[in-house]
Amino acid sequence: MAETIADTRRLMSKPQNLNDAYGPPSNFLEIDVSNPQTVGVGRGRFTTYEIRVKTNLPIFKLKESTVRRRYSDFEWLRSELERESKVVVPPLPGKALFRQLPFRGDDGIFDDSFIEERKQGLEQFINKVAGHPLAQNERCLHMFLQDEVIDKSYTPSKIRHA
């Protein structure tokens, strides 16, 4: 029986120049969730989050955009992606039902520490979703990230590369 010997030589790599090391990345998609603002009073009170997108991916029509979204908008996006795409959609941070009970002695879902925790969870969620190549083809994701107002009566469809 012939003995096989593994080839352990290193692959020759091309030397990196300053442009390669410090130039813009070939493809990038950066999404930040920041600047939470609580608006309204009583039962009409809710928190919105600023969603900032920077990208050079050709599938997105805007290279930079900023929109404001609330938790229910994230729920809408998640349900649309589950219904319309082949993507396994990650969970959202929880609804925090106990925080919504009266007589808690804190601000419940409007408590600064809860809002910060939720903001981080929403940022992880949207970065996982938007980083998925199949999700990037869904019109609902583009509306969520780049349209000032979400048209919830839209016709689901795929985005074609520009």
Protein backbone atom coordinates (compact mmCIF):
# COMPACT_ATOMS: atom_id res chain seq x y z
CA MET A 1 0.00 0.00 0.00
CA ALA A 2 1.42 3.36 -0.99
CA GLU A 3 2.12 5.79 1.79
CA THR A 4 0.65 9.28 1.37
CA ILE A 5 2.60 12.25 2.59
CA ALA A 6 0.80 15.47 3.38
CA ASP A 7 2.06 18.55 1.60
CA THR A 8 2.78 21.02 4.37
CA ARG A 9 4.28 23.80 2.30
CA ARG A 10 2.62 27.18 2.79
CA LEU A 11 0.65 28.76 0.04
CA MET A 12 2.44 31.70 -1.44
CA SER A 13 0.50 34.85 -0.56
CA LYS A 14 0.90 38.15 -2.27
CA PRO A 15 2.52 40.82 -0.11
CA GLN A 16 0.03 43.31 1.31
CA ASN A 17 0.49 46.97 0.39
CA LEU A 18 -0.74 50.03 2.32
CA ASN A 19 -3.86 50.34 0.16
CA ASP A 20 -4.85 46.75 0.96
CA ALA A 21 -4.21 47.22 4.65
CA TYR A 22 -5.81 50.63 5.17
CA GLY A 23 -8.12 51.10 2.20
CA PRO A 24 -11.89 50.67 2.39
CA PRO A 25 -13.06 47.07 2.77
CA SER A 26 -14.29 45.44 -0.42
CA ASN A 27 -17.83 44.90 0.91
CA PHE A 28 -19.21 46.28 4.13
CA LEU A 29 -22.54 46.76 5.88
CA GLU A 30 -22.51 48.64 9.17
CA ILE A 31 -25.75 49.05 11.11
CA ASP A 32 -25.92 50.90 14.41
CA VAL A 33 -28.94 51.11 16.69
CA SER A 34 -28.60 54.18 18.90
CA ASN A 35 -30.16 57.29 20.40
CA PRO A 36 -33.31 55.81 22.02
CA GLN A 37 -36.11 58.34 22.54
CA THR A 38 -39.28 57.74 24.55
CA VAL A 39 -42.30 59.65 23.27
CA GLY A 40 -45.98 59.90 24.17
CA VAL A 41 -47.81 59.56 27.48
CA GLY A 42 -49.78 56.87 29.27
CA ARG A 43 -50.69 53.88 27.14
CA GLY A 44 -49.52 55.70 24.00
CA ARG A 45 -45.94 55.89 25.29
CA PHE A 46 -43.20 54.07 23.34
CA THR A 47 -39.48 54.19 22.62
CA THR A 48 -37.95 54.69 19.17
CA TYR A 49 -34.40 53.87 18.13
CA GLU A 50 -32.24 55.43 15.45
CA ILE A 51 -31.08 52.93 12.80
CA ARG A 52 -28.00 54.15 10.92
CA VAL A 53 -26.78 52.22 7.88
CA LYS A 54 -23.49 52.62 6.03
CA THR A 55 -22.74 50.23 3.17
CA ASN A 56 -21.13 49.84 -0.21
CA LEU A 57 -23.17 46.75 -1.10
CA PRO A 58 -24.72 47.38 -4.54
CA ILE A 59 -28.07 45.88 -3.54
CA PHE A 60 -28.85 48.84 -1.24
CA LYS A 61 -30.09 51.97 -3.02
CA LEU A 62 -28.68 54.36 -0.38
CA LYS A 63 -25.08 54.12 0.78
CA GLU A 64 -25.93 55.94 4.03
CA SER A 65 -29.30 56.28 5.70
CA THR A 66 -30.85 57.02 9.09
CA VAL A 67 -34.40 56.10 10.15
CA ARG A 68 -36.24 55.78 13.48
CA ARG A 69 -37.97 52.52 14.41
CA ARG A 70 -39.85 51.19 17.42
CA TYR A 71 -39.94 47.64 18.78
CA SER A 72 -43.18 46.82 16.94
CA ASP A 73 -41.42 47.68 13.64
CA PHE A 74 -38.76 45.09 14.43
CA GLU A 75 -41.57 42.58 15.14
CA TRP A 76 -43.12 43.42 11.77
CA LEU A 77 -39.79 42.87 9.98
CA ARG A 78 -39.24 39.56 11.73
CA SER A 79 -42.72 38.26 10.83
CA GLU A 80 -42.34 39.40 7.19
CA LEU A 81 -38.99 37.65 6.84
CA GLU A 82 -40.35 34.46 8.41
CA ARG A 83 -43.33 34.50 6.05
CA GLU A 84 -41.63 35.55 2.82
CA SER A 85 -38.06 34.28 2.86
CA LYS A 86 -36.11 31.08 3.30
CA VAL A 87 -34.07 32.73 6.08
CA VAL A 88 -34.02 31.32 9.60
CA VAL A 89 -34.77 34.53 11.48
CA PRO A 90 -33.14 34.98 14.90
CA PRO A 91 -35.32 35.87 17.88
CA LEU A 92 -35.88 39.43 19.03
CA PRO A 93 -35.07 40.48 22.58
CA GLY A 94 -38.07 39.60 24.77
CA LYS A 95 -41.24 41.63 25.24
CA ALA A 96 -40.56 42.10 28.99
CA LEU A 97 -44.18 41.54 30.01
CA PHE A 98 -43.40 41.73 33.74
CA ARG A 99 -41.83 45.15 33.25
CA GLN A 100 -45.17 46.38 31.91
CA LEU A 101 -47.05 45.57 35.13
CA PRO A 102 -48.16 48.56 37.24
CA PHE A 103 -46.81 49.36 40.72
CA ARG A 104 -43.31 48.09 40.04
CA GLY A 105 -41.40 50.94 41.67
CA ASP A 106 -39.33 51.57 38.53
CA ASP A 107 -40.03 52.87 35.04
CA GLY A 108 -40.65 49.36 33.66
CA ILE A 109 -39.99 49.19 29.93
CA PHE A 110 -39.02 52.88 30.01
CA ASP A 111 -36.23 52.31 32.54
CA ASP A 112 -32.86 53.44 31.13
CA SER A 113 -31.12 50.12 31.83
CA PHE A 114 -33.91 48.16 30.10
CA ILE A 115 -33.87 50.49 27.07
CA GLU A 116 -30.07 50.10 26.79
CA GLU A 117 -30.33 46.30 27.04
CA ARG A 118 -33.09 46.21 24.43
CA LYS A 119 -31.13 48.55 22.13
CA GLN A 120 -28.17 46.16 22.19
CA GLY A 121 -30.45 43.18 21.50
CA LEU A 122 -32.10 44.97 18.58
CA GLU A 123 -28.70 45.89 17.12
CA GLN A 124 -27.57 42.25 17.30
CA PHE A 125 -30.82 41.14 15.69
CA ILE A 126 -30.72 43.59 12.77
CA ASN A 127 -27.03 42.95 12.08
CA LYS A 128 -27.60 39.17 11.95
CA VAL A 129 -30.61 39.56 9.68
CA ALA A 130 -29.14 42.18 7.35
CA GLY A 131 -25.88 40.26 7.06
CA HIS A 132 -27.68 37.25 5.59
CA PRO A 133 -27.37 37.21 1.77
CA LEU A 134 -30.93 35.92 1.24
CA ALA A 135 -32.44 38.50 3.60
CA GLN A 136 -30.65 41.25 1.68
CA ASN A 137 -32.87 40.43 -1.31
CA GLU A 138 -36.10 41.06 0.60
CA ARG A 139 -37.96 44.32 0.00
CA CYS A 140 -39.18 44.44 3.61
CA LEU A 141 -35.58 44.65 4.90
CA HIS A 142 -34.80 47.52 2.53
CA MET A 143 -37.94 49.40 3.60
CA PHE A 144 -37.11 48.82 7.27
CA LEU A 145 -33.53 50.05 6.92
CA GLN A 146 -33.87 52.88 4.43
CA ASP A 147 -37.44 54.17 3.97
CA GLU A 148 -38.58 56.94 6.31
CA VAL A 149 -42.03 55.33 6.60
CA ILE A 150 -42.64 51.58 6.36
CA ASP A 151 -45.41 50.77 3.89
CA LYS A 152 -46.93 47.78 5.68
CA SER A 153 -49.34 47.20 2.79
CA TYR A 154 -46.45 46.64 0.37
CA THR A 155 -46.29 43.72 -2.04
CA PRO A 156 -43.56 41.33 -0.90
CA SER A 157 -40.89 40.89 -3.54
CA LYS A 158 -37.19 40.41 -4.14
CA ILE A 159 -34.75 43.23 -4.75
CA ARG A 160 -32.66 42.98 -7.88
CA HIS A 161 -29.04 44.09 -7.89
CA ALA A 162 -28.65 47.66 -9.06
